[in-house]
N, C-alpha and C. Protein backbone atom coordinates (compact mmCIF):
# COMPACT_ATOMS: atom_id res chain seq x y z
N MET A 1 -63.50 -14.54 21.47
CA MET A 1 -64.70 -15.27 21.32
C MET A 1 -64.86 -15.72 19.87
N ALA A 2 -64.45 -14.87 18.91
CA ALA A 2 -64.60 -15.20 17.50
C ALA A 2 -63.81 -16.43 17.14
N SER A 3 -62.63 -16.62 17.74
CA SER A 3 -61.82 -17.79 17.41
C SER A 3 -62.50 -19.08 17.95
N VAL A 4 -63.12 -18.98 19.08
CA VAL A 4 -63.85 -20.12 19.64
C VAL A 4 -64.96 -20.55 18.68
N ILE A 5 -65.74 -19.53 18.25
CA ILE A 5 -66.87 -19.84 17.33
C ILE A 5 -66.36 -20.42 16.01
N ALA A 6 -65.30 -19.83 15.47
CA ALA A 6 -64.71 -20.35 14.25
C ALA A 6 -64.20 -21.76 14.46
N GLY A 7 -63.58 -22.03 15.58
CA GLY A 7 -63.07 -23.37 15.88
C GLY A 7 -64.20 -24.38 16.03
N LEU A 8 -65.29 -23.97 16.71
CA LEU A 8 -66.43 -24.89 16.81
C LEU A 8 -67.03 -25.17 15.46
N ALA A 9 -67.17 -24.12 14.60
CA ALA A 9 -67.69 -24.37 13.26
C ALA A 9 -66.76 -25.23 12.44
N GLY A 10 -65.46 -24.96 12.54
CA GLY A 10 -64.50 -25.75 11.80
C GLY A 10 -64.49 -27.21 12.32
N GLY A 11 -64.67 -27.37 13.60
CA GLY A 11 -64.77 -28.71 14.18
C GLY A 11 -65.96 -29.49 13.65
N VAL A 12 -67.08 -28.79 13.46
CA VAL A 12 -68.28 -29.44 12.90
C VAL A 12 -67.99 -29.89 11.49
N VAL A 13 -67.45 -28.99 10.66
CA VAL A 13 -67.17 -29.31 9.27
C VAL A 13 -66.14 -30.44 9.14
N ALA A 14 -65.04 -30.32 9.91
CA ALA A 14 -63.99 -31.32 9.84
C ALA A 14 -64.48 -32.68 10.32
N THR A 15 -65.33 -32.67 11.34
CA THR A 15 -65.86 -33.96 11.86
C THR A 15 -66.76 -34.60 10.85
N ILE A 16 -67.59 -33.80 10.19
CA ILE A 16 -68.47 -34.37 9.14
C ILE A 16 -67.64 -35.01 8.03
N VAL A 17 -66.63 -34.29 7.53
CA VAL A 17 -65.78 -34.84 6.47
C VAL A 17 -65.05 -36.09 6.96
N MET A 18 -64.54 -36.03 8.17
CA MET A 18 -63.82 -37.16 8.76
C MET A 18 -64.76 -38.39 8.89
N THR A 19 -65.98 -38.13 9.31
CA THR A 19 -66.92 -39.23 9.51
C THR A 19 -67.31 -39.84 8.19
N ILE A 20 -67.48 -39.07 7.18
CA ILE A 20 -67.77 -39.63 5.83
C ILE A 20 -66.59 -40.51 5.38
N ALA A 21 -65.39 -39.99 5.55
CA ALA A 21 -64.22 -40.80 5.19
C ALA A 21 -64.16 -42.08 6.01
N MET A 22 -64.49 -41.98 7.34
CA MET A 22 -64.49 -43.15 8.19
C MET A 22 -65.49 -44.19 7.75
N MET A 23 -66.65 -43.73 7.31
CA MET A 23 -67.71 -44.66 6.88
C MET A 23 -67.33 -45.33 5.55
N VAL A 24 -66.67 -44.57 4.68
CA VAL A 24 -66.25 -45.14 3.41
C VAL A 24 -65.11 -46.13 3.59
N MET A 25 -64.14 -45.79 4.44
CA MET A 25 -62.93 -46.62 4.61
C MET A 25 -63.11 -47.72 5.66
N GLY A 26 -64.04 -47.57 6.60
CA GLY A 26 -64.15 -48.43 7.72
C GLY A 26 -64.73 -49.79 7.40
N ASP A 27 -64.86 -50.59 8.41
CA ASP A 27 -65.37 -51.97 8.29
C ASP A 27 -66.87 -52.09 8.47
N GLY A 28 -67.55 -50.95 8.65
CA GLY A 28 -68.98 -50.97 8.82
C GLY A 28 -69.40 -51.09 10.31
N GLY A 29 -68.42 -51.28 11.18
CA GLY A 29 -68.73 -51.42 12.59
C GLY A 29 -68.89 -50.06 13.25
N PRO A 30 -69.18 -50.10 14.54
CA PRO A 30 -69.39 -48.83 15.26
C PRO A 30 -68.02 -48.12 15.46
N PRO A 31 -68.04 -46.83 15.68
CA PRO A 31 -66.81 -46.10 15.87
C PRO A 31 -66.18 -46.55 17.24
N PRO A 32 -64.86 -46.31 17.37
CA PRO A 32 -64.20 -46.65 18.66
C PRO A 32 -64.87 -45.99 19.90
N THR A 33 -65.50 -44.82 19.69
CA THR A 33 -66.16 -44.18 20.80
C THR A 33 -67.36 -45.02 21.29
N ALA A 34 -67.96 -45.83 20.42
CA ALA A 34 -69.03 -46.73 20.87
C ALA A 34 -68.46 -47.76 21.84
N ARG A 35 -67.23 -48.17 21.63
CA ARG A 35 -66.58 -49.09 22.59
C ARG A 35 -66.34 -48.43 23.92
N LEU A 36 -66.03 -47.14 23.87
CA LEU A 36 -65.85 -46.37 25.12
C LEU A 36 -67.15 -46.29 25.88
N VAL A 37 -68.23 -45.96 25.19
CA VAL A 37 -69.52 -45.90 25.84
C VAL A 37 -69.90 -47.26 26.40
N ALA A 38 -69.69 -48.34 25.63
CA ALA A 38 -70.02 -49.71 26.09
C ALA A 38 -69.21 -50.12 27.28
N LYS A 39 -67.96 -49.67 27.35
CA LYS A 39 -67.11 -50.02 28.47
C LYS A 39 -67.69 -49.50 29.78
N PHE A 40 -68.24 -48.28 29.76
CA PHE A 40 -68.77 -47.68 30.97
C PHE A 40 -70.25 -48.01 31.18
N ALA A 41 -70.98 -48.17 30.11
CA ALA A 41 -72.42 -48.45 30.25
C ALA A 41 -72.70 -49.95 30.30
N GLY A 42 -71.76 -50.74 29.86
CA GLY A 42 -71.96 -52.17 29.80
C GLY A 42 -72.70 -52.58 28.53
N GLY A 43 -72.43 -53.75 28.02
CA GLY A 43 -73.06 -54.21 26.83
C GLY A 43 -72.12 -54.24 25.66
N ASP A 44 -72.70 -54.36 24.49
CA ASP A 44 -71.94 -54.51 23.25
C ASP A 44 -71.80 -53.18 22.54
N PRO A 45 -70.64 -52.92 21.97
CA PRO A 45 -70.43 -51.63 21.25
C PRO A 45 -71.44 -51.35 20.17
N GLU A 46 -71.94 -52.42 19.49
CA GLU A 46 -72.94 -52.23 18.44
C GLU A 46 -74.20 -51.58 18.99
N ASP A 47 -74.51 -51.83 20.30
CA ASP A 47 -75.68 -51.23 20.92
C ASP A 47 -75.53 -49.72 21.12
N TYR A 48 -74.31 -49.27 21.03
CA TYR A 48 -74.02 -47.85 21.31
C TYR A 48 -73.43 -47.09 20.13
N ALA A 49 -73.79 -47.54 18.93
CA ALA A 49 -73.25 -46.90 17.72
C ALA A 49 -73.64 -45.39 17.65
N MET A 50 -74.93 -45.10 17.94
CA MET A 50 -75.35 -43.72 17.83
C MET A 50 -74.83 -42.85 18.99
N PRO A 51 -74.87 -43.33 20.23
CA PRO A 51 -74.26 -42.54 21.33
C PRO A 51 -72.74 -42.38 21.05
N GLY A 52 -72.13 -43.42 20.52
CA GLY A 52 -70.69 -43.32 20.21
C GLY A 52 -70.41 -42.30 19.15
N MET A 53 -71.30 -42.24 18.12
CA MET A 53 -71.15 -41.24 17.08
C MET A 53 -71.36 -39.82 17.62
N ALA A 54 -72.34 -39.70 18.51
CA ALA A 54 -72.59 -38.37 19.13
C ALA A 54 -71.38 -37.92 19.95
N LEU A 55 -70.79 -38.84 20.71
CA LEU A 55 -69.58 -38.56 21.47
C LEU A 55 -68.43 -38.18 20.54
N HIS A 56 -68.32 -38.88 19.42
CA HIS A 56 -67.28 -38.56 18.43
C HIS A 56 -67.44 -37.14 17.90
N PHE A 57 -68.70 -36.73 17.64
CA PHE A 57 -68.93 -35.37 17.14
C PHE A 57 -68.61 -34.35 18.22
N ILE A 58 -68.92 -34.65 19.45
CA ILE A 58 -68.58 -33.73 20.56
C ILE A 58 -67.07 -33.53 20.60
N TYR A 59 -66.36 -34.65 20.60
CA TYR A 59 -64.86 -34.57 20.60
C TYR A 59 -64.36 -33.73 19.46
N GLY A 60 -64.87 -33.98 18.26
CA GLY A 60 -64.39 -33.26 17.08
C GLY A 60 -64.70 -31.78 17.15
N ILE A 61 -65.85 -31.42 17.64
CA ILE A 61 -66.21 -30.02 17.72
C ILE A 61 -65.38 -29.28 18.77
N VAL A 62 -65.22 -29.92 19.93
CA VAL A 62 -64.38 -29.29 20.96
C VAL A 62 -62.94 -29.23 20.54
N ALA A 63 -62.44 -30.26 19.86
CA ALA A 63 -61.06 -30.25 19.39
C ALA A 63 -60.83 -29.13 18.38
N GLY A 64 -61.86 -28.78 17.62
CA GLY A 64 -61.74 -27.64 16.68
C GLY A 64 -61.57 -26.33 17.42
N ALA A 65 -62.31 -26.14 18.50
CA ALA A 65 -62.16 -24.92 19.30
C ALA A 65 -60.82 -24.90 20.03
N VAL A 66 -60.35 -26.03 20.51
CA VAL A 66 -59.04 -26.10 21.16
C VAL A 66 -57.94 -25.68 20.17
N PHE A 67 -58.04 -26.17 18.96
CA PHE A 67 -57.04 -25.83 17.92
C PHE A 67 -57.10 -24.33 17.64
N ALA A 68 -58.29 -23.80 17.41
CA ALA A 68 -58.44 -22.38 17.04
C ALA A 68 -57.92 -21.45 18.15
N VAL A 69 -58.13 -21.81 19.39
CA VAL A 69 -57.68 -21.02 20.50
C VAL A 69 -56.19 -21.33 20.82
N GLY A 70 -55.81 -22.57 20.72
CA GLY A 70 -54.47 -23.00 21.11
C GLY A 70 -53.34 -22.53 20.19
N VAL A 71 -53.62 -22.53 18.91
CA VAL A 71 -52.53 -22.13 17.96
C VAL A 71 -52.01 -20.73 18.26
N PRO A 72 -52.85 -19.73 18.43
CA PRO A 72 -52.32 -18.39 18.75
C PRO A 72 -51.61 -18.37 20.14
N LEU A 73 -52.07 -19.21 21.07
CA LEU A 73 -51.48 -19.20 22.40
C LEU A 73 -50.03 -19.70 22.38
N VAL A 74 -49.67 -20.51 21.37
CA VAL A 74 -48.29 -20.99 21.29
C VAL A 74 -47.49 -20.07 20.33
N GLY A 75 -48.04 -18.97 19.94
CA GLY A 75 -47.31 -17.99 19.13
C GLY A 75 -47.38 -18.17 17.62
N LEU A 76 -48.28 -19.01 17.15
CA LEU A 76 -48.43 -19.25 15.75
C LEU A 76 -49.72 -18.59 15.22
N SER A 77 -49.85 -18.51 13.89
CA SER A 77 -50.99 -17.82 13.31
C SER A 77 -51.65 -18.72 12.27
N LEU A 78 -52.99 -18.58 12.21
CA LEU A 78 -53.75 -19.30 11.19
C LEU A 78 -54.12 -18.36 10.05
N GLY A 79 -53.40 -17.21 9.91
CA GLY A 79 -53.69 -16.22 8.91
C GLY A 79 -53.43 -16.66 7.47
N SER A 80 -52.51 -17.55 7.27
CA SER A 80 -52.22 -18.03 5.94
C SER A 80 -52.82 -19.44 5.78
N ILE A 81 -53.56 -19.65 4.69
CA ILE A 81 -54.23 -20.93 4.53
C ILE A 81 -53.22 -22.10 4.45
N GLY A 82 -52.07 -21.84 3.82
CA GLY A 82 -51.03 -22.88 3.73
C GLY A 82 -50.50 -23.30 5.10
N VAL A 83 -50.19 -22.29 5.90
CA VAL A 83 -49.69 -22.54 7.26
C VAL A 83 -50.78 -23.22 8.08
N ALA A 84 -52.00 -22.75 7.95
CA ALA A 84 -53.15 -23.32 8.70
C ALA A 84 -53.33 -24.79 8.36
N ILE A 85 -53.25 -25.10 7.07
CA ILE A 85 -53.38 -26.52 6.66
C ILE A 85 -52.23 -27.34 7.25
N GLY A 86 -51.01 -26.83 7.20
CA GLY A 86 -49.84 -27.53 7.76
C GLY A 86 -50.00 -27.75 9.26
N LEU A 87 -50.47 -26.73 9.98
CA LEU A 87 -50.69 -26.89 11.40
C LEU A 87 -51.83 -27.84 11.66
N GLY A 88 -52.86 -27.80 10.84
CA GLY A 88 -53.98 -28.75 10.96
C GLY A 88 -53.50 -30.18 10.77
N LEU A 89 -52.62 -30.39 9.77
CA LEU A 89 -52.07 -31.70 9.52
C LEU A 89 -51.32 -32.21 10.77
N VAL A 90 -50.48 -31.39 11.35
CA VAL A 90 -49.76 -31.75 12.56
C VAL A 90 -50.77 -32.02 13.71
N TYR A 91 -51.76 -31.23 13.84
CA TYR A 91 -52.78 -31.44 14.88
C TYR A 91 -53.50 -32.75 14.67
N GLY A 92 -53.84 -33.06 13.43
CA GLY A 92 -54.50 -34.34 13.13
C GLY A 92 -53.63 -35.52 13.52
N ILE A 93 -52.30 -35.40 13.34
CA ILE A 93 -51.41 -36.47 13.68
C ILE A 93 -51.30 -36.59 15.18
N VAL A 94 -51.27 -35.45 15.87
CA VAL A 94 -51.24 -35.48 17.35
C VAL A 94 -52.52 -36.13 17.87
N LEU A 95 -53.70 -35.77 17.33
CA LEU A 95 -54.94 -36.41 17.75
C LEU A 95 -54.93 -37.90 17.45
N MET A 96 -54.37 -38.30 16.32
CA MET A 96 -54.30 -39.70 15.95
C MET A 96 -53.45 -40.46 16.96
N ILE A 97 -52.27 -39.93 17.28
CA ILE A 97 -51.43 -40.63 18.26
C ILE A 97 -52.06 -40.69 19.64
N GLY A 98 -52.66 -39.54 20.05
CA GLY A 98 -53.33 -39.55 21.32
C GLY A 98 -54.48 -40.55 21.34
N GLY A 99 -55.23 -40.62 20.28
CA GLY A 99 -56.34 -41.58 20.19
C GLY A 99 -55.89 -42.99 20.21
N MET A 100 -54.83 -43.30 19.42
CA MET A 100 -54.32 -44.68 19.38
C MET A 100 -53.68 -45.11 20.67
N VAL A 101 -52.88 -44.26 21.25
CA VAL A 101 -52.13 -44.63 22.46
C VAL A 101 -52.97 -44.53 23.73
N PHE A 102 -53.56 -43.34 23.93
CA PHE A 102 -54.26 -43.15 25.18
C PHE A 102 -55.65 -43.75 25.19
N TRP A 103 -56.52 -43.26 24.27
CA TRP A 103 -57.90 -43.70 24.29
C TRP A 103 -58.07 -45.17 23.93
N MET A 104 -57.50 -45.61 22.81
CA MET A 104 -57.71 -47.00 22.41
C MET A 104 -57.05 -47.99 23.38
N ARG A 105 -55.80 -47.80 23.64
CA ARG A 105 -55.09 -48.80 24.42
C ARG A 105 -55.32 -48.71 25.92
N PHE A 106 -55.16 -47.50 26.46
CA PHE A 106 -55.24 -47.38 27.90
C PHE A 106 -56.65 -47.26 28.44
N VAL A 107 -57.47 -46.51 27.81
CA VAL A 107 -58.84 -46.30 28.30
C VAL A 107 -59.79 -47.41 27.87
N ILE A 108 -59.84 -47.72 26.59
CA ILE A 108 -60.75 -48.72 26.09
C ILE A 108 -60.18 -50.13 26.22
N GLY A 109 -58.87 -50.24 26.12
CA GLY A 109 -58.24 -51.55 26.23
C GLY A 109 -58.32 -52.36 24.94
N MET A 110 -58.37 -51.66 23.81
CA MET A 110 -58.39 -52.36 22.54
C MET A 110 -57.07 -52.27 21.83
N TYR A 111 -56.74 -53.24 21.08
CA TYR A 111 -55.53 -53.30 20.29
C TYR A 111 -55.89 -53.51 18.81
N PRO A 112 -56.10 -52.41 18.10
CA PRO A 112 -56.60 -52.51 16.75
C PRO A 112 -55.59 -53.14 15.80
N ASP A 113 -56.11 -53.78 14.74
CA ASP A 113 -55.25 -54.34 13.75
C ASP A 113 -54.73 -53.27 12.81
N ARG A 114 -53.83 -53.65 11.93
CA ARG A 114 -53.18 -52.70 11.02
C ARG A 114 -54.20 -51.93 10.18
N ASP A 115 -55.19 -52.59 9.65
CA ASP A 115 -56.19 -51.91 8.82
C ASP A 115 -56.93 -50.84 9.61
N MET A 116 -57.34 -51.17 10.84
CA MET A 116 -58.06 -50.17 11.64
C MET A 116 -57.18 -49.02 12.00
N MET A 117 -55.92 -49.26 12.27
CA MET A 117 -54.96 -48.19 12.61
C MET A 117 -54.73 -47.31 11.38
N MET A 118 -54.66 -47.88 10.19
CA MET A 118 -54.48 -47.09 8.97
C MET A 118 -55.70 -46.18 8.75
N THR A 119 -56.89 -46.75 8.92
CA THR A 119 -58.10 -45.96 8.75
C THR A 119 -58.16 -44.86 9.82
N PHE A 120 -57.89 -45.22 11.06
CA PHE A 120 -57.92 -44.27 12.16
C PHE A 120 -56.93 -43.12 11.90
N GLY A 121 -55.75 -43.47 11.45
CA GLY A 121 -54.76 -42.47 11.16
C GLY A 121 -55.16 -41.55 10.01
N THR A 122 -55.62 -42.16 8.93
CA THR A 122 -56.00 -41.38 7.76
C THR A 122 -57.15 -40.42 8.04
N VAL A 123 -58.15 -40.88 8.74
CA VAL A 123 -59.30 -39.98 9.02
C VAL A 123 -58.93 -38.83 9.96
N HIS A 124 -58.00 -39.07 10.85
CA HIS A 124 -57.55 -37.98 11.76
C HIS A 124 -56.71 -36.95 10.98
N VAL A 125 -55.94 -37.42 10.04
CA VAL A 125 -55.16 -36.50 9.18
C VAL A 125 -56.16 -35.68 8.36
N ILE A 126 -57.17 -36.34 7.81
CA ILE A 126 -58.22 -35.64 7.04
C ILE A 126 -58.84 -34.55 7.93
N TYR A 127 -59.20 -34.95 9.15
CA TYR A 127 -59.83 -33.99 10.09
C TYR A 127 -58.93 -32.78 10.24
N GLY A 128 -57.67 -33.00 10.53
CA GLY A 128 -56.77 -31.88 10.80
C GLY A 128 -56.59 -30.96 9.57
N VAL A 129 -56.46 -31.56 8.39
CA VAL A 129 -56.31 -30.75 7.17
C VAL A 129 -57.57 -29.93 6.87
N VAL A 130 -58.71 -30.56 7.03
CA VAL A 130 -60.00 -29.83 6.80
C VAL A 130 -60.14 -28.72 7.82
N LEU A 131 -59.85 -29.02 9.06
CA LEU A 131 -59.95 -28.01 10.12
C LEU A 131 -59.02 -26.84 9.83
N GLY A 132 -57.78 -27.13 9.47
CA GLY A 132 -56.82 -26.07 9.17
C GLY A 132 -57.26 -25.26 7.97
N ALA A 133 -57.77 -25.92 6.92
CA ALA A 133 -58.20 -25.21 5.72
C ALA A 133 -59.40 -24.30 6.06
N PHE A 134 -60.33 -24.82 6.85
CA PHE A 134 -61.50 -24.04 7.23
C PHE A 134 -61.10 -22.79 7.99
N LEU A 135 -60.25 -22.96 8.97
CA LEU A 135 -59.83 -21.80 9.78
C LEU A 135 -58.93 -20.86 9.00
N GLY A 136 -58.05 -21.43 8.17
CA GLY A 136 -57.17 -20.58 7.40
C GLY A 136 -57.87 -19.77 6.33
N ALA A 137 -59.01 -20.29 5.85
CA ALA A 137 -59.79 -19.57 4.82
C ALA A 137 -60.68 -18.50 5.45
N SER A 138 -60.70 -18.46 6.80
CA SER A 138 -61.48 -17.45 7.55
C SER A 138 -62.97 -17.45 7.11
N ILE A 139 -63.51 -18.62 6.96
CA ILE A 139 -64.93 -18.77 6.58
C ILE A 139 -65.83 -18.16 7.64
N VAL A 140 -65.52 -18.44 8.89
CA VAL A 140 -66.19 -17.81 10.01
C VAL A 140 -65.20 -16.91 10.70
N ALA A 141 -65.39 -15.64 10.60
CA ALA A 141 -64.35 -14.70 11.13
C ALA A 141 -64.74 -14.21 12.51
């Protein structure tokens, strides 16, 4: 249970840092999750910026718990901060690829330009590194 709580807390922190980076690097438009909400609710993604951001936070928080629980299940450890950051980096890349291929293309049906893909990739790597650092530092034990 402790790893779930640590993962949820790490997911919150990593999502906050990721979102700040996304806002600094982005084009000022709504997050891709707003497009997901708009696809199912109908309407314009700009109308769903806040629900999209809430969905983005839910994804980030749950993904933190999945990482914290999943890493030991595959026989790895988050006991060393260096290893945890490395594993977080890999996890961020996996989330980035899953987001670009599955969510953006197949579910939402969007084909982002190079700049959006670079921003999307960078913020997911930031998420993974922050999550790994948080869990590796054992801030919440």
